[in-house]
């Protein structure tokens, strides 16, 4: 069951550091560590809540962090800002005769689709399970066991720009592609032949027309053409003919992601560290997270998150339990790429995003006003899509010229208003939860 969100005093939104954060999941230490996205300094760890064998992470449509706990056969849910444990999201209730997970065994990866459903890889069963992204209820086995010779779906599976699911098949040294609609097998992609791909762990789509894949078995990061899947080159590789190690000491690369600075961040499993590279040339930049920082032992997955916190209770609407507002991208003013996503709102209805300078909680319409109205600024508007989603891309230039500019070090509070003529309260309108964003330079 999806847990309700509760209002937090403004002091709860104080940033742990100045700017975005890098989350590092570590398998052997069962931990998720938070690091400053500018310096790599360790900040704190998420709560220890029985997670065992931590692998993939995903920020959900409610703004919470979802964690694949392989050895407990569960998906655990945490507050992405504070690290507090919010309970199990997908788990087998031992007090009931049925298995509520649908038979999930050794979950390794989790991603959320465009309809907010959660897709979870089962490493032991070589299958992909689908769950309701709001309640955790089992929907179906999307990819049946061993379809397309899938063997060992690993933590870094992802959804590509084509809307299909890309799954690293660890034991076959391949990347498999599947339809999110019916789970059908669409072939191997990227085409691994001749690339030297060995024990793939993570697949990521880069900004330059490349697909990046970590190759744990030979300490490389390989790139493939995003259109054809053809092998381009080994981007990060140690030249055996030179005395220096051009990778900076990369040993068993697992997780991979792109940072707010455009650099490539790679988890080095056997050195318990995170290394940084030029995303275009593969040149080693530095050791971004020092070995063992935060107690991380064999890091497996990396994810950046903006300095933002979701707050406020859910307010039931005609779509379901209530709409949520989630921040994606970076809270850096220089990058100016922050998007606020509205989820689980009434499809086909207009919605308006507004901004204020403080948090509040007042009953209004069918929901709650969570942003103080003195002053308030209309930020963006649009029509909610068929899946209940609408993305508001922030216009940073317009904000800087307004009465409520975005200021480095200051927190802005955002909420969405939605029209809802079929809503349960009869007022004709409702509100989402709110997001408190602390901007960095």
Protein backbone atom coordinates (compact mmCIF):
# COMPACT_ATOMS: atom_id res chain seq x y z
CA UNK A 1 0.00 0.00 0.00
CA UNK A 2 1.29 3.48 -0.86
CA UNK A 3 1.97 5.40 2.31
CA UNK A 4 0.45 8.86 2.74
CA UNK A 5 2.66 11.94 2.72
CA UNK A 6 2.72 14.15 5.80
CA UNK A 7 3.36 17.85 6.13
CA UNK A 8 6.77 18.75 7.52
CA UNK A 9 7.77 21.97 9.20
CA UNK A 10 9.91 24.26 7.02
CA UNK A 11 12.99 23.31 9.05
CA UNK A 12 12.71 19.78 7.58
CA UNK A 13 13.57 21.21 4.18
CA UNK A 14 16.96 22.60 5.21
CA UNK A 15 19.50 21.22 2.73
CA UNK A 16 22.14 18.82 3.96
CA UNK A 17 24.53 20.39 1.48
CA UNK A 18 24.56 23.20 -1.01
CA UNK A 19 23.11 21.75 -4.18
CA UNK A 20 22.24 18.38 -5.64
CA UNK A 21 23.22 15.04 -4.18
CA UNK A 22 24.73 11.81 -5.53
CA UNK A 23 23.16 8.64 -4.12
CA UNK A 24 25.43 5.59 -3.99
CA UNK A 25 23.93 2.13 -3.43
CA UNK A 26 26.36 -0.45 -2.06
CA UNK A 27 25.64 -4.17 -2.21
CA UNK A 28 28.00 -5.59 0.39
CA UNK A 29 27.28 -2.95 3.06
CA UNK A 30 23.50 -2.87 2.36
CA UNK A 31 23.66 0.92 2.32
CA UNK A 32 22.63 4.01 0.38
CA UNK A 33 25.04 6.89 0.97
CA UNK A 34 24.45 10.54 0.14
CA UNK A 35 27.28 12.65 -1.25
CA UNK A 36 27.53 16.32 -2.16
CA UNK A 37 27.18 16.58 -5.94
CA UNK A 38 29.79 19.31 -6.21
CA UNK A 39 32.57 17.99 -3.97
CA UNK A 40 31.78 14.28 -3.57
CA UNK A 41 31.96 14.68 0.22
CA UNK A 42 29.95 12.16 2.20
CA UNK A 43 26.90 13.66 3.90
CA UNK A 44 24.88 10.86 5.50
CA UNK A 45 23.43 7.41 4.93
CA UNK A 46 19.84 6.37 4.44
CA UNK A 47 18.21 4.53 7.32
CA UNK A 48 19.17 0.92 7.96
CA UNK A 49 15.80 -0.79 7.68
CA UNK A 50 16.55 -4.43 6.99
CA UNK A 51 17.55 -3.95 3.35
CA UNK A 52 19.93 -6.71 2.30
CA UNK A 53 21.84 -6.82 -0.97
CA UNK A 54 21.07 -3.29 -2.19
CA UNK A 55 21.13 -3.01 -5.98
CA UNK A 56 19.04 -0.69 -8.19
CA UNK A 57 17.48 2.61 -7.14
CA UNK A 58 14.70 4.73 -8.66
CA UNK A 59 13.00 7.98 -7.78
CA UNK A 60 9.28 7.29 -7.90
CA UNK A 61 6.31 9.38 -9.04
CA UNK A 62 5.72 10.38 -5.41
CA UNK A 63 9.27 11.70 -5.00
CA UNK A 64 10.34 8.82 -2.75
CA UNK A 65 13.38 6.62 -3.39
CA UNK A 66 12.68 2.97 -4.23
CA UNK A 67 15.39 0.42 -3.51
CA UNK A 68 15.78 -3.14 -4.83
CA UNK A 69 16.71 -5.30 -1.84
CA UNK A 70 17.83 -8.51 -3.52
CA UNK A 71 18.19 -10.82 -0.55
CA UNK A 72 14.85 -9.88 1.09
CA UNK A 73 12.90 -10.20 -2.20
CA UNK A 74 11.43 -6.75 -1.67
CA UNK A 75 11.36 -3.16 -2.90
CA UNK A 76 11.86 -0.75 -0.02
CA UNK A 77 10.70 2.87 0.03
CA UNK A 78 12.61 5.80 1.57
CA UNK A 79 12.17 9.54 1.89
CA UNK A 80 14.57 10.80 -0.79
CA UNK A 81 15.43 13.97 1.14
CA UNK A 82 15.79 12.72 4.73
CA UNK A 83 16.65 9.06 4.11
CA UNK A 84 13.92 7.87 6.50
CA UNK A 85 12.46 4.43 5.78
CA UNK A 86 8.83 4.61 4.63
CA UNK A 87 8.14 0.89 4.57
CA UNK A 88 8.20 -1.94 2.06
CA UNK A 89 6.57 -1.19 -1.30
CA UNK A 90 6.67 -4.64 -2.92
CA UNK A 91 6.89 -7.54 -0.44
CA UNK A 92 5.34 -10.87 0.46
CA UNK A 93 3.09 -10.62 3.50
CA UNK A 94 3.89 -13.79 5.44
CA UNK A 95 0.53 -13.56 7.24
CA UNK A 96 -1.35 -14.33 4.02
CA UNK A 97 -1.34 -17.55 1.97
CA UNK A 98 -0.65 -15.85 -1.36
CA UNK A 99 2.59 -14.19 -2.46
CA UNK A 100 1.67 -10.55 -3.06
CA UNK A 101 4.80 -10.01 -5.16
CA UNK A 102 3.68 -12.47 -7.83
CA UNK A 103 6.71 -14.65 -7.09
CA UNK A 104 9.48 -12.06 -7.22
CA UNK A 105 12.88 -13.61 -6.49
CA UNK A 106 16.07 -11.58 -6.03
CA UNK A 107 14.99 -8.16 -7.34
CA UNK A 108 17.94 -6.39 -8.90
CA UNK A 109 16.55 -3.34 -10.71
CA UNK A 110 13.56 -1.03 -10.64
CA UNK A 111 12.39 1.60 -13.15
CA UNK A 112 9.14 3.55 -13.46
CA UNK A 113 7.39 3.71 -16.83
CA UNK A 114 5.52 6.62 -18.43
CA UNK A 115 2.25 5.36 -16.90
CA UNK A 116 3.92 5.30 -13.45
CA UNK A 117 3.93 1.51 -13.29
CA UNK A 118 7.02 -0.01 -11.68
CA UNK A 119 9.09 -2.59 -13.57
CA UNK A 120 11.31 -4.83 -11.45
CA UNK A 121 13.97 -7.28 -12.68
CA UNK A 122 14.24 -10.68 -11.02
CA UNK A 123 17.86 -11.81 -11.18
CA UNK A 124 17.08 -15.36 -10.05
CA UNK A 125 14.13 -15.92 -12.41
CA UNK A 126 15.53 -14.01 -15.43
CA UNK A 127 12.22 -12.16 -15.72
CA UNK A 128 10.70 -8.68 -15.42
CA UNK A 129 7.71 -8.08 -13.12
CA UNK A 130 5.24 -5.19 -13.36
CA UNK A 131 3.56 -3.48 -10.38
CA UNK A 132 1.15 -0.63 -9.81
CA UNK A 133 3.44 2.33 -9.20
CA UNK A 134 1.15 3.87 -6.59
CA UNK A 135 0.17 0.84 -4.51
CA UNK A 136 2.85 -1.79 -5.23
CA UNK A 137 0.16 -4.30 -6.25
CA UNK A 138 1.34 -7.05 -8.60
CA UNK A 139 0.11 -6.54 -12.17
CA UNK A 140 1.80 -9.24 -14.27
CA UNK A 141 5.03 -10.87 -15.32
CA UNK A 142 5.91 -8.57 -18.21
CA UNK A 143 8.95 -10.48 -19.50
CA UNK A 144 8.63 -14.22 -18.95
CA UNK A 145 11.61 -16.19 -17.60
CA UNK A 146 14.57 -16.50 -20.01
CA UNK A 147 12.71 -14.80 -22.87
CA UNK A 148 15.32 -14.01 -25.52
CA UNK A 149 17.83 -15.97 -23.41
CA UNK A 150 17.81 -13.32 -20.70
CA UNK A 151 20.14 -14.52 -17.96
CA UNK A 152 20.94 -12.34 -14.97
CA UNK A 153 19.04 -9.05 -15.51
CA UNK A 154 21.14 -6.54 -13.62
CA UNK A 155 20.65 -3.37 -11.61
CA UNK A 156 21.22 -0.87 -14.43
CA UNK A 157 18.26 -1.64 -16.70
CA UNK A 158 16.61 1.45 -18.16
CA UNK A 159 13.86 2.71 -20.44
CA UNK A 160 15.19 4.11 -23.69
CA UNK A 161 14.02 7.17 -25.64
CA UNK A 162 12.08 4.75 -27.87
CA UNK A 163 9.95 3.70 -24.88
CA UNK A 164 11.40 0.19 -24.74
CA UNK A 165 13.10 -1.57 -21.85
CA UNK A 166 16.87 -2.18 -22.07
CA UNK A 167 18.13 -4.93 -19.76
CA UNK A 168 21.79 -5.91 -19.15
CA UNK A 169 21.98 -9.71 -19.31
CA UNK A 170 24.93 -10.34 -17.01
CA UNK A 171 25.63 -13.99 -17.74
CA UNK A 172 25.26 -13.81 -21.54
CA UNK A 173 27.33 -10.61 -22.02
CA UNK A 174 24.49 -8.89 -23.89
CA UNK A 175 21.88 -6.16 -23.56
CA UNK A 176 18.31 -7.26 -24.26
CA UNK A 177 15.47 -5.04 -25.48
CA UNK A 178 11.79 -5.62 -24.63
CA UNK A 179 8.48 -3.89 -25.30
CA UNK A 180 6.92 -2.17 -22.30
CA UNK A 181 3.50 -2.78 -23.85
CA UNK A 182 3.45 -6.57 -24.03
CA UNK A 183 6.91 -7.69 -22.90
CA UNK A 184 7.84 -9.05 -26.31
CA UNK A 185 11.52 -9.62 -27.06
CA UNK A 186 12.92 -7.08 -29.56
CA UNK A 187 16.44 -8.48 -29.92
CA UNK A 188 19.89 -7.72 -28.57
CA UNK A 189 20.69 -4.03 -28.43
CA UNK A 190 23.37 -2.70 -28.35
CA UNK A 191 24.92 -5.25 -30.68
CA UNK A 192 27.67 -6.63 -28.45
CA UNK A 193 29.54 -8.61 -31.12
CA UNK A 194 33.15 -7.45 -31.38
CA UNK A 195 32.85 -5.02 -28.48
CA UNK A 196 34.39 -7.14 -25.76
CA UNK A 197 31.34 -6.62 -23.57
CA UNK A 198 31.81 -8.76 -20.46
CA UNK A 199 29.38 -8.93 -17.55
CA UNK A 200 27.29 -5.81 -18.29
CA UNK A 201 25.83 -4.07 -15.25
CA UNK A 202 24.36 -0.72 -16.33
CA UNK A 203 22.94 0.76 -19.55
CA UNK A 204 22.61 4.55 -19.90
CA UNK A 205 21.60 6.81 -22.79
CA UNK A 206 24.02 9.69 -23.14
CA UNK A 207 23.63 13.21 -24.51
CA UNK A 208 25.78 12.63 -27.61
CA UNK A 209 24.03 9.84 -29.50
CA UNK A 210 25.74 7.05 -27.59
CA UNK A 211 24.57 4.24 -25.33
CA UNK A 212 26.98 3.70 -22.44
CA UNK A 213 27.39 0.22 -20.90
CA UNK A 214 29.60 -0.78 -17.97
CA UNK A 215 31.59 -3.94 -18.67
CA UNK A 216 32.51 -5.31 -15.25
CA UNK A 217 34.40 -8.34 -16.53
CA UNK A 218 37.20 -6.33 -18.17
CA UNK A 219 37.03 -2.94 -16.36
CA UNK A 220 35.70 -0.92 -19.30
CA UNK A 221 32.94 1.45 -20.27
CA UNK A 222 31.80 0.78 -23.83
CA UNK A 223 29.76 3.02 -26.12
CA UNK A 224 27.38 2.06 -28.91
CA UNK A 225 25.48 4.03 -31.55
CA UNK A 226 22.04 4.91 -30.18
CA UNK A 227 20.35 4.43 -33.57
CA UNK A 228 21.96 1.29 -34.95
CA UNK A 229 23.38 -0.31 -31.82
CA UNK A 230 26.74 -0.70 -33.54
CA UNK A 231 29.82 -0.74 -31.34
CA UNK A 232 31.65 2.61 -31.41
CA UNK A 233 34.61 2.16 -29.06
CA UNK A 234 35.82 1.36 -25.58
CA UNK A 235 35.46 4.82 -24.05
CA UNK A 236 37.07 4.06 -20.70
CA UNK A 237 39.86 1.48 -21.02
CA UNK A 238 43.34 0.85 -19.68
CA UNK A 239 45.92 0.62 -22.46
CA UNK A 240 48.08 -2.43 -21.61
CA UNK A 241 50.97 -0.99 -23.63
CA UNK A 242 51.46 1.98 -21.31
CA UNK A 243 52.70 1.95 -17.69
CA UNK A 244 49.93 4.26 -16.48
CA UNK A 245 46.36 3.16 -15.88
CA UNK A 246 44.33 5.55 -18.02
CA UNK A 247 41.11 4.64 -16.18
CA UNK A 248 42.35 6.02 -12.87
CA UNK A 249 42.17 2.58 -11.29
CA UNK A 250 38.68 1.47 -12.36
CA UNK A 251 38.10 -2.05 -11.05
CA UNK A 252 34.79 -3.87 -11.64
CA UNK A 253 32.63 -1.00 -12.99
CA UNK A 254 28.99 -1.41 -12.00
CA UNK A 255 26.80 1.72 -11.76
CA UNK A 256 27.01 4.58 -14.24
CA UNK A 257 25.26 7.94 -14.53
CA UNK A 258 25.72 11.48 -15.85
CA UNK A 259 26.21 14.30 -13.38
CA UNK A 260 24.89 17.86 -13.33
CA UNK A 261 28.32 18.89 -14.67
CA UNK A 262 27.92 16.68 -17.76
CA UNK A 263 30.66 14.32 -16.63
CA UNK A 264 30.39 10.52 -16.55
CA UNK A 265 30.31 8.98 -13.06
CA UNK A 266 31.19 5.29 -12.68
CA UNK A 267 31.03 3.10 -9.59
CA UNK A 268 34.22 1.06 -9.12
CA UNK A 269 33.01 -1.99 -7.22
CA UNK A 270 36.31 -3.48 -6.12
CA UNK A 271 37.76 -0.15 -4.94
CA UNK A 272 34.56 0.99 -3.17
CA UNK A 273 34.73 4.37 -4.93
CA UNK A 274 33.17 6.53 -7.66
CA UNK A 275 35.36 7.77 -10.50
CA UNK A 276 34.65 10.66 -12.85
CA UNK A 277 35.39 10.85 -16.61
CA UNK A 278 34.91 13.13 -19.59
CA UNK A 279 31.73 11.80 -21.20
CA UNK A 280 32.96 12.45 -24.76
CA UNK A 281 36.61 11.36 -24.60
CA UNK A 282 36.62 8.97 -21.63
CA UNK A 283 39.58 10.81 -20.10
CA UNK A 284 39.91 10.23 -16.36
CA UNK A 285 39.06 13.35 -14.34
CA UNK A 286 39.33 12.34 -10.67
CA UNK A 287 38.23 10.06 -7.87
CA UNK A 288 34.96 11.76 -6.99
CA UNK A 289 33.92 9.61 -4.03
CA UNK A 290 36.86 8.33 -2.00
CA UNK A 291 37.22 4.59 -1.35
CA UNK A 292 34.84 3.45 1.38
CA UNK A 293 33.36 6.91 2.00
CA UNK A 294 30.12 6.54 3.93
CA UNK A 295 30.95 2.91 4.60
CA UNK A 296 30.10 1.90 1.05
CA UNK A 297 31.29 -1.61 0.28
CA UNK A 298 31.02 -2.64 -3.39
CA UNK A 299 28.89 0.20 -4.84
CA UNK A 300 26.43 -1.03 -7.46
CA UNK A 301 24.24 1.88 -8.54
CA UNK A 302 24.46 5.68 -8.84
CA UNK A 303 21.72 8.30 -9.07
CA UNK A 304 21.67 12.10 -8.86
CA UNK A 305 18.78 13.90 -7.24
CA UNK A 306 18.01 17.63 -6.96
CA UNK A 307 17.94 19.30 -3.58
CA UNK A 308 14.19 18.97 -3.21
CA UNK A 309 11.67 17.58 -0.74
CA UNK A 310 8.07 16.50 -1.35
CA UNK A 311 5.63 17.47 1.39
CA UNK A 312 1.94 17.61 2.19
CA UNK A 313 -0.88 15.05 2.48
CA UNK A 314 -2.39 13.32 -0.53
CA UNK A 315 -5.81 14.71 -1.49
CA UNK A 316 -8.07 12.13 -3.24
CA UNK A 317 -9.21 13.16 -6.73
CA UNK A 318 -11.22 11.61 -9.56
CA UNK A 319 -8.08 9.75 -10.74
CA UNK A 320 -7.28 8.08 -7.42
CA UNK A 321 -5.58 8.67 -4.06
CA UNK A 322 -4.16 12.08 -5.00
CA UNK A 323 -1.76 13.96 -7.26
CA UNK A 324 1.94 14.34 -6.49
CA UNK A 325 4.52 16.90 -7.63
CA UNK A 326 8.11 15.69 -8.07
CA UNK A 327 11.33 17.54 -8.97
CA UNK A 328 13.64 16.05 -11.64
CA UNK A 329 16.93 17.28 -13.07
CA UNK A 330 19.21 19.66 -11.20
CA UNK A 331 18.51 22.47 -8.75
CA UNK A 332 21.51 24.38 -10.15
CA UNK A 333 20.70 27.86 -11.48
CA UNK A 334 23.57 27.62 -13.96
CA UNK A 335 22.25 24.42 -15.54
CA UNK A 336 18.62 25.64 -15.59
CA UNK A 337 17.22 22.18 -16.38
CA UNK A 338 14.81 21.52 -13.51
CA UNK A 339 11.43 19.97 -14.35
CA UNK A 340 8.51 19.54 -11.97
CA UNK A 341 6.42 16.47 -12.80
CA UNK A 342 2.74 16.23 -11.89
CA UNK A 343 1.57 12.62 -11.42
CA UNK A 344 -1.79 10.91 -10.75
CA UNK A 345 -3.84 13.98 -11.65
CA UNK A 346 -7.25 14.00 -13.47
CA UNK A 347 -6.57 13.25 -17.19
CA UNK A 348 -7.59 15.84 -19.75
CA UNK A 349 -8.00 18.64 -17.22
CA UNK A 350 -6.05 21.92 -17.09
CA UNK A 351 -3.38 22.36 -14.45
CA UNK A 352 -1.43 25.34 -13.16
CA UNK A 353 1.95 25.37 -11.38
CA UNK A 354 2.52 28.16 -8.85
CA UNK A 355 5.39 29.22 -6.60
CA UNK A 356 5.62 30.76 -3.14
CA UNK A 357 8.18 31.51 -0.46
CA UNK A 358 6.84 29.47 2.46
CA UNK A 359 5.01 26.25 3.33
CA UNK A 360 1.53 26.11 4.81
CA UNK A 361 -1.40 23.69 5.04
CA UNK A 362 -4.94 24.94 4.62
CA UNK A 363 -8.04 23.05 3.37
CA UNK A 364 -9.07 24.51 0.01
CA UNK A 365 -11.32 23.04 -2.66
CA UNK A 366 -11.04 19.24 -2.56
CA UNK A 367 -7.50 19.35 -1.21
CA UNK A 368 -4.97 21.47 0.63
CA UNK A 369 -3.19 24.69 -0.17
CA UNK A 370 0.43 23.97 0.76
CA UNK A 371 2.19 27.10 -0.51
CA UNK A 372 1.73 30.46 1.20
CA UNK A 373 -0.06 32.95 -1.05
CA UNK A 374 1.77 36.13 -0.05
CA UNK A 375 3.35 36.52 -2.50
CA UNK A 376 2.65 33.83 -5.11
CA UNK A 377 3.61 33.52 -8.78
CA UNK A 378 2.08 31.52 -11.60
CA UNK A 379 4.91 29.54 -13.17
CA UNK A 380 3.46 27.35 -15.94
CA UNK A 381 0.27 25.70 -17.14
CA UNK A 382 -0.88 22.84 -19.37
CA UNK A 383 -3.33 19.99 -19.89
CA UNK A 384 -2.90 16.74 -17.98
CA UNK A 385 -2.16 13.70 -20.15
CA UNK A 386 -4.10 10.43 -20.41
CA UNK A 387 -1.86 8.74 -17.83
CA UNK A 388 -2.46 11.53 -15.30
CA UNK A 389 0.91 13.19 -15.91
CA UNK A 390 2.04 16.67 -16.90
CA UNK A 391 5.63 17.97 -16.96
CA UNK A 392 6.31 21.61 -16.11
CA UNK A 393 9.72 22.69 -17.48
CA UNK A 394 10.82 25.70 -15.46
CA UNK A 395 11.62 28.89 -17.37
CA UNK A 396 14.62 30.18 -15.43
CA UNK A 397 14.93 33.40 -17.46
CA UNK A 398 11.32 34.34 -16.73
CA UNK A 399 11.79 33.53 -13.05
CA UNK A 400 14.81 35.80 -12.70
CA UNK A 401 12.84 38.69 -14.12
CA UNK A 402 9.82 38.14 -11.87
CA UNK A 403 8.83 39.21 -8.38
CA UNK A 404 9.86 35.76 -7.07
CA UNK A 405 13.22 34.96 -8.68
CA UNK A 406 15.10 31.74 -8.02
CA UNK A 407 17.96 32.58 -5.63
CA UNK A 408 21.00 30.43 -4.87
CA UNK A 409 20.79 29.17 -1.30
CA UNK A 410 17.08 30.01 -0.98
CA UNK A 411 14.14 27.60 -1.02
CA UNK A 412 11.15 27.99 -3.32
CA UNK A 413 7.88 26.13 -2.73
CA UNK A 414 5.87 24.77 -5.66
CA UNK A 415 2.40 23.25 -5.96
CA UNK A 416 0.00 22.40 -8.81
CA UNK A 417 -3.68 23.35 -9.00
CA UNK A 418 -5.89 21.10 -11.10
CA UNK A 419 -9.43 21.37 -12.36
CA UNK A 420 -11.42 18.29 -11.29
CA UNK A 421 -15.20 18.56 -11.90
CA UNK A 422 -15.73 14.88 -10.99
CA UNK A 423 -13.74 15.11 -7.78
CA UNK A 424 -15.02 13.58 -4.52
CA UNK A 425 -15.52 16.89 -2.73
CA UNK A 426 -17.61 18.59 -5.40
CA UNK A 427 -15.66 21.86 -5.45
CA UNK A 428 -14.46 21.35 -9.04
CA UNK A 429 -10.75 21.77 -8.27
CA UNK A 430 -7.95 20.19 -6.28
CA UNK A 431 -4.23 20.44 -5.50
CA UNK A 432 -1.17 18.22 -5.67
CA UNK A 433 1.37 17.65 -2.95
CA UNK A 434 4.09 20.31 -2.93
CA UNK A 435 7.84 20.40 -3.57
CA UNK A 436 10.37 22.53 -1.72
CA UNK A 437 13.41 23.19 -3.92
CA UNK A 438 16.64 24.71 -2.61
CA UNK A 439 18.55 26.22 -5.54
CA UNK A 440 22.30 26.04 -5.98
CA UNK A 441 24.49 28.43 -8.05
